Amino acid sequence: MPKTIQIRDIDDEVYAELARRAAEAGTSVPELLRKEAFRIAARPSMREWLERTRRRPSEVSAAEIVAALDEVRGEWPGDAGR
């Protein structure tokens, strides 16, 4: 059986942004929030996701990942000349 959720104390700025996004999508704020609730409920929680990803073996070391990120990002400000 469907349930009703009531959210109180939403800041005016937050509601205005929700209303803007709903209008942009051609829907109402309740329908926008209903779709978001479905989307959130369909995803694993952060804890569940971390448990799943910890079980996956990786052939790439943390040092290799950091080196690849450093290569893509370039030098950090203040590190020039080191």
PDB file of N, CA and C in Angstrom:
ATOM      1  N   MET A   1       0.842  -1.181   0.000  1.00  0.00           N
ATOM      2  CA  MET A   1       0.000   0.000   0.000  1.00  0.00           C
ATOM      3  C   MET A   1       0.886   1.242   0.000  1.00  0.00           C
ATOM      4  N   PRO A   2       0.610   2.210  -0.858  1.00  0.00           N
ATOM      5  CA  PRO A   2       1.424   3.434  -0.923  1.00  0.00           C
ATOM      6  C   PRO A   2       1.385   4.198   0.401  1.00  0.00           C
ATOM      7  N   LYS A   3       2.500   4.834   0.710  1.00  0.00           N
ATOM      8  CA  LYS A   3       2.633   5.635   1.930  1.00  0.00           C
ATOM      9  C   LYS A   3       2.763   7.106   1.567  1.00  0.00           C
ATOM     10  N   THR A   4       2.418   7.960   2.495  1.00  0.00           N
ATOM     11  CA  THR A   4       2.547   9.401   2.320  1.00  0.00           C
ATOM     12  C   THR A   4       3.685   9.899   3.196  1.00  0.00           C
ATOM     13  N   ILE A   5       4.523  10.757   2.624  1.00  0.00           N
ATOM     14  CA  ILE A   5       5.630  11.355   3.363  1.00  0.00           C
ATOM     15  C   ILE A   5       5.418  12.869   3.367  1.00  0.00           C
ATOM     16  N   GLN A   6       5.588  13.464   4.526  1.00  0.00           N
ATOM     17  CA  GLN A   6       5.489  14.917   4.633  1.00  0.00           C
ATOM     18  C   GLN A   6       6.832  15.443   5.113  1.00  0.00           C
ATOM     19  N   ILE A   7       7.360  16.426   4.394  1.00  0.00           N
ATOM     20  CA  ILE A   7       8.640  17.018   4.770  1.00  0.00           C
ATOM     21  C   ILE A   7       8.359  18.436   5.267  1.00  0.00           C
ATOM     22  N   ARG A   8       8.826  18.722   6.469  1.00  0.00           N
ATOM     23  CA  ARG A   8       8.605  20.047   7.049  1.00  0.00           C
ATOM     24  C   ARG A   8       9.901  20.846   7.083  1.00  0.00           C
ATOM     25  N   ASP A   9       9.753  22.128   7.248  1.00  0.00           N
ATOM     26  CA  ASP A   9      10.872  23.044   7.464  1.00  0.00           C
ATOM     27  C   ASP A   9      11.867  23.063   6.306  1.00  0.00           C
ATOM     28  N   ILE A  10      11.365  23.086   5.087  1.00  0.00           N
ATOM     29  CA  ILE A  10      12.217  23.236   3.906  1.00  0.00           C
ATOM     30  C   ILE A  10      12.469  24.720   3.696  1.00  0.00           C
ATOM     31  N   ASP A  11      13.722  25.107   3.565  1.00  0.00           N
ATOM     32  CA  ASP A  11      14.054  26.513   3.319  1.00  0.00           C
ATOM     33  C   ASP A  11      13.407  26.998   2.027  1.00  0.00           C
ATOM     34  N   ASP A  12      13.045  28.274   1.988  1.00  0.00           N
ATOM     35  CA  ASP A  12      12.431  28.858   0.801  1.00  0.00           C
ATOM     36  C   ASP A  12      13.310  28.677  -0.441  1.00  0.00           C
ATOM     37  N   GLU A  13      14.626  28.842  -0.257  1.00  0.00           N
ATOM     38  CA  GLU A  13      15.546  28.719  -1.391  1.00  0.00           C
ATOM     39  C   GLU A  13      15.552  27.288  -1.936  1.00  0.00           C
ATOM     40  N   VAL A  14      15.495  26.320  -1.032  1.00  0.00           N
ATOM     41  CA  VAL A  14      15.486  24.912  -1.443  1.00  0.00           C
ATOM     42  C   VAL A  14      14.199  24.613  -2.194  1.00  0.00           C
ATOM     43  N   TYR A  15      13.067  25.058  -1.655  1.00  0.00           N
ATOM     44  CA  TYR A  15      11.803  24.796  -2.331  1.00  0.00           C
ATOM     45  C   TYR A  15      11.759  25.487  -3.691  1.00  0.00           C
ATOM     46  N   ALA A  16      12.269  26.701  -3.763  1.00  0.00           N
ATOM     47  CA  ALA A  16      12.286  27.416  -5.047  1.00  0.00           C
ATOM     48  C   ALA A  16      13.095  26.640  -6.081  1.00  0.00           C
ATOM     49  N   GLU A  17      14.223  26.071  -5.668  1.00  0.00           N
ATOM     50  CA  GLU A  17      15.044  25.284  -6.597  1.00  0.00           C
ATOM     51  C   GLU A  17      14.315  24.014  -7.017  1.00  0.00           C
ATOM     52  N   LEU A  18      13.633  23.360  -6.066  1.00  0.00           N
ATOM     53  CA  LEU A  18      12.843  22.175  -6.412  1.00  0.00           C
ATOM     54  C   LEU A  18      11.732  22.535  -7.399  1.00  0.00           C
ATOM     55  N   ALA A  19      11.062  23.657  -7.155  1.00  0.00           N
ATOM     56  CA  ALA A  19       9.991  24.101  -8.048  1.00  0.00           C
ATOM     57  C   ALA A  19      10.548  24.412  -9.433  1.00  0.00           C
ATOM     58  N   ARG A  20      11.730  25.027  -9.493  1.00  0.00           N
ATOM     59  CA  ARG A  20      12.354  25.350 -10.778  1.00  0.00           C
ATOM     60  C   ARG A  20      12.672  24.073 -11.541  1.00  0.00           C
ATOM     61  N   ARG A  21      13.257  23.096 -10.833  1.00  0.00           N
ATOM     62  CA  ARG A  21      13.613  21.834 -11.493  1.00  0.00           C
ATOM     63  C   ARG A  21      12.371  21.067 -11.935  1.00  0.00           C
ATOM     64  N   ALA A  22      11.337  21.097 -11.115  1.00  0.00           N
ATOM     65  CA  ALA A  22      10.091  20.421 -11.492  1.00  0.00           C
ATOM     66  C   ALA A  22       9.499  21.071 -12.744  1.00  0.00           C
ATOM     67  N   ALA A  23       9.459  22.388 -12.772  1.00  0.00           N
ATOM     68  CA  ALA A  23       8.924  23.090 -13.939  1.00  0.00           C
ATOM     69  C   ALA A  23       9.748  22.776 -15.181  1.00  0.00           C
ATOM     70  N   GLU A  24      11.057  22.753 -15.014  1.00  0.00           N
ATOM     71  CA  GLU A  24      11.953  22.435 -16.131  1.00  0.00           C
ATOM     72  C   GLU A  24      11.666  21.033 -16.674  1.00  0.00           C
ATOM     73  N   ALA A  25      11.298  20.110 -15.786  1.00  0.00           N
ATOM     74  CA  ALA A  25      11.001  18.733 -16.178  1.00  0.00           C
ATOM     75  C   ALA A  25       9.541  18.554 -16.578  1.00  0.00           C
ATOM     76  N   GLY A  26       8.756  19.623 -16.477  1.00  0.00           N
ATOM     77  CA  GLY A  26       7.344  19.543 -16.840  1.00  0.00           C
ATOM     78  C   GLY A  26       6.525  18.724 -15.864  1.00  0.00           C
ATOM     79  N   THR A  27       6.874  18.811 -14.579  1.00  0.00           N
ATOM     80  CA  THR A  27       6.172  18.026 -13.566  1.00  0.00           C
ATOM     81  C   THR A  27       5.964  18.876 -12.317  1.00  0.00           C
ATOM     82  N   SER A  28       5.400  18.276 -11.294  1.00  0.00           N
ATOM     83  CA  SER A  28       5.167  18.989 -10.037  1.00  0.00           C
ATOM     84  C   SER A  28       6.282  18.664  -9.040  1.00  0.00           C
ATOM     85  N   VAL A  29       6.367  19.459  -7.983  1.00  0.00           N
ATOM     86  CA  VAL A  29       7.362  19.197  -6.941  1.00  0.00           C
ATOM     87  C   VAL A  29       7.116  17.829  -6.297  1.00  0.00           C
ATOM     88  N   PRO A  30       5.880  17.478  -5.922  1.00  0.00           N
ATOM     89  CA  PRO A  30       5.680  16.137  -5.347  1.00  0.00           C
ATOM     90  C   PRO A  30       6.098  15.009  -6.297  1.00  0.00           C
ATOM     91  N   GLU A  31       5.799  15.151  -7.593  1.00  0.00           N
ATOM     92  CA  GLU A  31       6.192  14.113  -8.547  1.00  0.00           C
ATOM     93  C   GLU A  31       7.707  14.052  -8.693  1.00  0.00           C
ATOM     94  N   LEU A  32       8.370  15.194  -8.705  1.00  0.00           N
ATOM     95  CA  LEU A  32       9.834  15.233  -8.768  1.00  0.00           C
ATOM     96  C   LEU A  32      10.427  14.503  -7.564  1.00  0.00           C
ATOM     97  N   LEU A  33       9.908  14.794  -6.373  1.00  0.00           N
ATOM     98  CA  LEU A  33      10.400  14.148  -5.151  1.00  0.00           C
ATOM     99  C   LEU A  33      10.066  12.661  -5.124  1.00  0.00           C
ATOM    100  N   ARG A  34       8.910  12.280  -5.669  1.00  0.00           N
ATOM    101  CA  ARG A  34       8.541  10.864  -5.752  1.00  0.00           C
ATOM    102  C   ARG A  34       9.562  10.116  -6.618  1.00  0.00           C
ATOM    103  N   LYS A  35       9.901  10.692  -7.773  1.00  0.00           N
ATOM    104  CA  LYS A  35      10.886  10.065  -8.668  1.00  0.00           C
ATOM    105  C   LYS A  35      12.254   9.973  -7.990  1.00  0.00           C
ATOM    106  N   GLU A  36      12.647  11.021  -7.268  1.00  0.00           N
ATOM    107  CA  GLU A  36      13.929  11.001  -6.559  1.00  0.00           C
ATOM    108  C   GLU A  36      13.928   9.943  -5.461  1.00  0.00           C
ATOM    109  N   ALA A  37      12.801   9.789  -4.766  1.00  0.00           N
ATOM    110  CA  ALA A  37      12.707   8.768  -3.715  1.00  0.00           C
ATOM    111  C   ALA A  37      12.877   7.378  -4.324  1.00  0.00           C
ATOM    112  N   PHE A  38      12.261   7.116  -5.480  1.00  0.00           N
ATOM    113  CA  PHE A  38      12.441   5.826  -6.161  1.00  0.00           C
ATOM    114  C   PHE A  38      13.899   5.618  -6.528  1.00  0.00           C
ATOM    115  N   ARG A  39      14.524   6.671  -7.043  1.00  0.00           N
ATOM    116  CA  ARG A  39      15.928   6.586  -7.461  1.00  0.00           C
ATOM    117  C   ARG A  39      16.834   6.296  -6.262  1.00  0.00           C
ATOM    118  N   ILE A  40      16.601   6.978  -5.158  1.00  0.00           N
ATOM    119  CA  ILE A  40      17.409   6.766  -3.949  1.00  0.00           C
ATOM    120  C   ILE A  40      17.210   5.350  -3.412  1.00  0.00           C
ATOM    121  N   ALA A  41      15.962   4.901  -3.366  1.00  0.00           N
ATOM    122  CA  ALA A  41      15.664   3.570  -2.821  1.00  0.00           C
ATOM    123  C   ALA A  41      16.237   2.452  -3.692  1.00  0.00           C
ATOM    124  N   ALA A  42      16.419   2.714  -4.975  1.00  0.00           N
ATOM    125  CA  ALA A  42      16.933   1.691  -5.891  1.00  0.00           C
ATOM    126  C   ALA A  42      18.447   1.509  -5.773  1.00  0.00           C
ATOM    127  N   ARG A  43      19.138   2.512  -5.231  1.00  0.00           N
ATOM    128  CA  ARG A  43      20.593   2.436  -5.100  1.00  0.00           C
ATOM    129  C   ARG A  43      20.968   1.781  -3.781  1.00  0.00           C
ATOM    130  N   PRO A  44      22.129   1.138  -3.748  1.00  0.00           N
ATOM    131  CA  PRO A  44      22.587   0.594  -2.459  1.00  0.00           C
ATOM    132  C   PRO A  44      22.983   1.748  -1.527  1.00  0.00           C
ATOM    133  N   SER A  45      22.911   1.506  -0.240  1.00  0.00           N
ATOM    134  CA  SER A  45      23.384   2.513   0.712  1.00  0.00           C
ATOM    135  C   SER A  45      24.909   2.607   0.586  1.00  0.00           C
ATOM    136  N   MET A  46      25.493   3.631   1.154  1.00  0.00           N
ATOM    137  CA  MET A  46      26.950   3.784   1.103  1.00  0.00           C
ATOM    138  C   MET A  46      27.624   2.587   1.769  1.00  0.00           C
ATOM    139  N   ARG A  47      27.093   2.142   2.894  1.00  0.00           N
ATOM    140  CA  ARG A  47      27.653   0.989   3.590  1.00  0.00           C
ATOM    141  C   ARG A  47      27.607  -0.258   2.709  1.00  0.00           C
ATOM    142  N   GLU A  48      26.452  -0.493   2.063  1.00  0.00           N
ATOM    143  CA  GLU A  48      26.322  -1.658   1.178  1.00  0.00           C
ATOM    144  C   GLU A  48      27.298  -1.576   0.001  1.00  0.00           C
ATOM    145  N   TRP A  49      27.401  -0.390  -0.577  1.00  0.00           N
ATOM    146  CA  TRP A  49      28.293  -0.210  -1.718  1.00  0.00           C
ATOM    147  C   TRP A  49      29.750  -0.461  -1.316  1.00  0.00           C
ATOM    148  N   LEU A  50      30.151   0.068  -0.162  1.00  0.00           N
ATOM    149  CA  LEU A  50      31.522  -0.145   0.304  1.00  0.00           C
ATOM    150  C   LEU A  50      31.797  -1.621   0.576  1.00  0.00           C
ATOM    151  N   GLU A  51      30.833  -2.315   1.156  1.00  0.00           N
ATOM    152  CA  GLU A  51      31.011  -3.746   1.401  1.00  0.00           C
ATOM    153  C   GLU A  51      31.199  -4.506   0.092  1.00  0.00           C
ATOM    154  N   ARG A  52      30.425  -4.148  -0.919  1.00  0.00           N
ATOM    155  CA  ARG A  52      30.553  -4.817  -2.223  1.00  0.00           C
ATOM    156  C   ARG A  52      31.892  -4.536  -2.880  1.00  0.00           C
ATOM    157  N   THR A  53      32.319  -3.288  -2.835  1.00  0.00           N
ATOM    158  CA  THR A  53      33.561  -2.929  -3.525  1.00  0.00           C
ATOM    159  C   THR A  53      34.788  -3.461  -2.794  1.00  0.00           C
ATOM    160  N   ARG A  54      34.710  -3.630  -1.489  1.00  0.00           N
ATOM    161  CA  ARG A  54      35.838  -4.195  -0.742  1.00  0.00           C
ATOM    162  C   ARG A  54      36.083  -5.652  -1.108  1.00  0.00           C
ATOM    163  N   ARG A  55      35.050  -6.336  -1.528  1.00  0.00           N
ATOM    164  CA  ARG A  55      35.172  -7.756  -1.865  1.00  0.00           C
ATOM    165  C   ARG A  55      35.810  -7.971  -3.231  1.00  0.00           C
ATOM    166  N   ARG A  56      35.850  -6.941  -4.060  1.00  0.00           N
ATOM    167  CA  ARG A  56      36.404  -7.092  -5.401  1.00  0.00           C
ATOM    168  C   ARG A  56      37.919  -7.029  -5.354  1.00  0.00           C
ATOM    169  N   PRO A  57      38.588  -8.033  -5.899  1.00  0.00           N
ATOM    170  CA  PRO A  57      40.049  -7.959  -5.946  1.00  0.00           C
ATOM    171  C   PRO A  57      40.487  -6.937  -6.991  1.00  0.00           C
ATOM    172  N   SER A  58      41.612  -6.300  -6.740  1.00  0.00           N
ATOM    173  CA  SER A  58      42.138  -5.325  -7.683  1.00  0.00           C
ATOM    174  C   SER A  58      43.596  -5.633  -7.973  1.00  0.00           C
ATOM    175  N   GLU A  59      43.964  -5.501  -9.236  1.00  0.00           N
ATOM    176  CA  GLU A  59      45.347  -5.721  -9.635  1.00  0.00           C
ATOM    177  C   GLU A  59      46.120  -4.413  -9.647  1.00  0.00           C
ATOM    178  N   VAL A  60      45.443  -3.312  -9.323  1.00  0.00           N
ATOM    179  CA  VAL A  60      46.070  -1.995  -9.325  1.00  0.00           C
ATOM    180  C   VAL A  60      46.305  -1.570  -7.883  1.00  0.00           C
ATOM    181  N   SER A  61      47.510  -1.160  -7.586  1.00  0.00           N
ATOM    182  CA  SER A  61      47.827  -0.743  -6.217  1.00  0.00           C
ATOM    183  C   SER A  61      47.384   0.700  -5.971  1.00  0.00           C
ATOM    184  N   ALA A  62      47.261   1.049  -4.714  1.00  0.00           N
ATOM    185  CA  ALA A  62      46.905   2.422  -4.347  1.00  0.00           C
ATOM    186  C   ALA A  62      47.961   3.398  -4.855  1.00  0.00           C
ATOM    187  N   ALA A  63      49.226   3.010  -4.793  1.00  0.00           N
ATOM    188  CA  ALA A  63      50.314   3.878  -5.274  1.00  0.00           C
ATOM    189  C   ALA A  63      50.179   4.142  -6.773  1.00  0.00           C
ATOM    190  N   GLU A  64      49.769   3.131  -7.529  1.00  0.00           N
ATOM    191  CA  GLU A  64      49.575   3.320  -8.975  1.00  0.00           C
ATOM    192  C   GLU A  64      48.409   4.264  -9.256  1.00  0.00           C
ATOM    193  N   ILE A  65      47.369   4.161  -8.469  1.00  0.00           N
ATOM    194  CA  ILE A  65      46.219   5.049  -8.635  1.00  0.00           C
ATOM    195  C   ILE A  65      46.616   6.490  -8.342  1.00  0.00           C
ATOM    196  N   VAL A  66      47.338   6.699  -7.234  1.00  0.00           N
ATOM    197  CA  VAL A  66      47.781   8.046  -6.871  1.00  0.00           C
ATOM    198  C   VAL A  66      48.697   8.615  -7.945  1.00  0.00           C
ATOM    199  N   ALA A  67      49.600   7.805  -8.461  1.00  0.00           N
ATOM    200  CA  ALA A  67      50.511   8.265  -9.514  1.00  0.00           C
ATOM    201  C   ALA A  67      49.739   8.657 -10.772  1.00  0.00           C
ATOM    202  N   ALA A  68      48.736   7.874 -11.147  1.00  0.00           N
ATOM    203  CA  ALA A  68      47.927   8.192 -12.326  1.00  0.00           C
ATOM    204  C   ALA A  68      47.145   9.490 -12.112  1.00  0.00           C
ATOM    205  N   LEU A  69      46.593   9.662 -10.917  1.00  0.00           N
ATOM    206  CA  LEU A  69      45.867  10.907 -10.629  1.00  0.00           C
ATOM    207  C   LEU A  69      46.806  12.104 -10.651  1.00  0.00           C
ATOM    208  N   ASP A  70      47.998  11.964 -10.073  1.00  0.00           N
ATOM    209  CA  ASP A  70      48.967  13.053 -10.090  1.00  0.00           C
ATOM    210  C   ASP A  70      49.347  13.422 -11.521  1.00  0.00           C
ATOM    211  N   GLU A  71      49.473  12.430 -12.367  1.00  0.00           N
ATOM    212  CA  GLU A  71      49.826  12.675 -13.771  1.00  0.00           C
ATOM    213  C   GLU A  71      48.726  13.459 -14.484  1.00  0.00           C
ATOM    214  N   VAL A  72      47.478  13.108 -14.217  1.00  0.00           N
ATOM    215  CA  VAL A  72      46.346  13.785 -14.854  1.00  0.00           C
ATOM    216  C   VAL A  72      46.181  15.200 -14.308  1.00  0.00           C
ATOM    217  N   ARG A  73      46.310  15.344 -12.983  1.00  0.00           N
ATOM    218  CA  ARG A  73      46.091  16.647 -12.349  1.00  0.00           C
ATOM    219  C   ARG A  73      47.237  17.613 -12.553  1.00  0.00           C
ATOM    220  N   GLY A  74      48.421  17.116 -12.751  1.00  0.00           N
ATOM    221  CA  GLY A  74      49.584  17.991 -12.872  1.00  0.00           C
ATOM    222  C   GLY A  74      50.128  18.381 -11.519  1.00  0.00           C
ATOM    223  N   GLU A  75      51.028  19.337 -11.522  1.00  0.00           N
ATOM    224  CA  GLU A  75      51.666  19.763 -10.280  1.00  0.00           C
ATOM    225  C   GLU A  75      50.683  20.501  -9.386  1.00  0.00           C
ATOM    226  N   TRP A  76      50.835  20.280  -8.093  1.00  0.00           N
ATOM    227  CA  TRP A  76      50.038  21.013  -7.120  1.00  0.00           C
ATOM    228  C   TRP A  76      50.612  22.414  -6.971  1.00  0.00           C
ATOM    229  N   PRO A  77      49.773  23.403  -6.698  1.00  0.00           N
ATOM    230  CA  PRO A  77      50.297  24.759  -6.476  1.00  0.00           C
ATOM    231  C   PRO A  77      51.311  24.739  -5.330  1.00  0.00           C
ATOM    232  N   GLY A  78      52.424  25.371  -5.536  1.00  0.00           N
ATOM    233  CA  GLY A  78      53.464  25.425  -4.506  1.00  0.00           C
ATOM    234  C   GLY A  78      54.463  24.293  -4.629  1.00  0.00           C
ATOM    235  N   ASP A  79      54.200  23.291  -5.469  1.00  0.00           N
ATOM    236  CA  ASP A  79      55.131  22.173  -5.633  1.00  0.00           C
ATOM    237  C   ASP A  79      56.094  22.391  -6.784  1.00  0.00           C
ATOM    238  N   ALA A  80      55.954  23.467  -7.526  1.00  0.00           N
ATOM    239  CA  ALA A  80      56.815  23.704  -8.677  1.00  0.00           C
ATOM    240  C   ALA A  80      58.282  23.805  -8.226  1.00  0.00           C
ATOM    241  N   GLY A  81      59.133  23.150  -8.954  1.00  0.00           N
ATOM    242  CA  GLY A  81      60.554  23.213  -8.668  1.00  0.00           C
ATOM    243  C   GLY A  81      61.028  22.187  -7.665  1.00  0.00           C
ATOM    244  N   ARG A  82      60.176  21.377  -7.127  1.00  0.00           N
ATOM    245  CA  ARG A  82      60.592  20.349  -6.162  1.00  0.00           C
ATOM    246  C   ARG A  82      61.075  19.123  -6.863  1.00  0.00           C
TER     247      ARG A  82
END
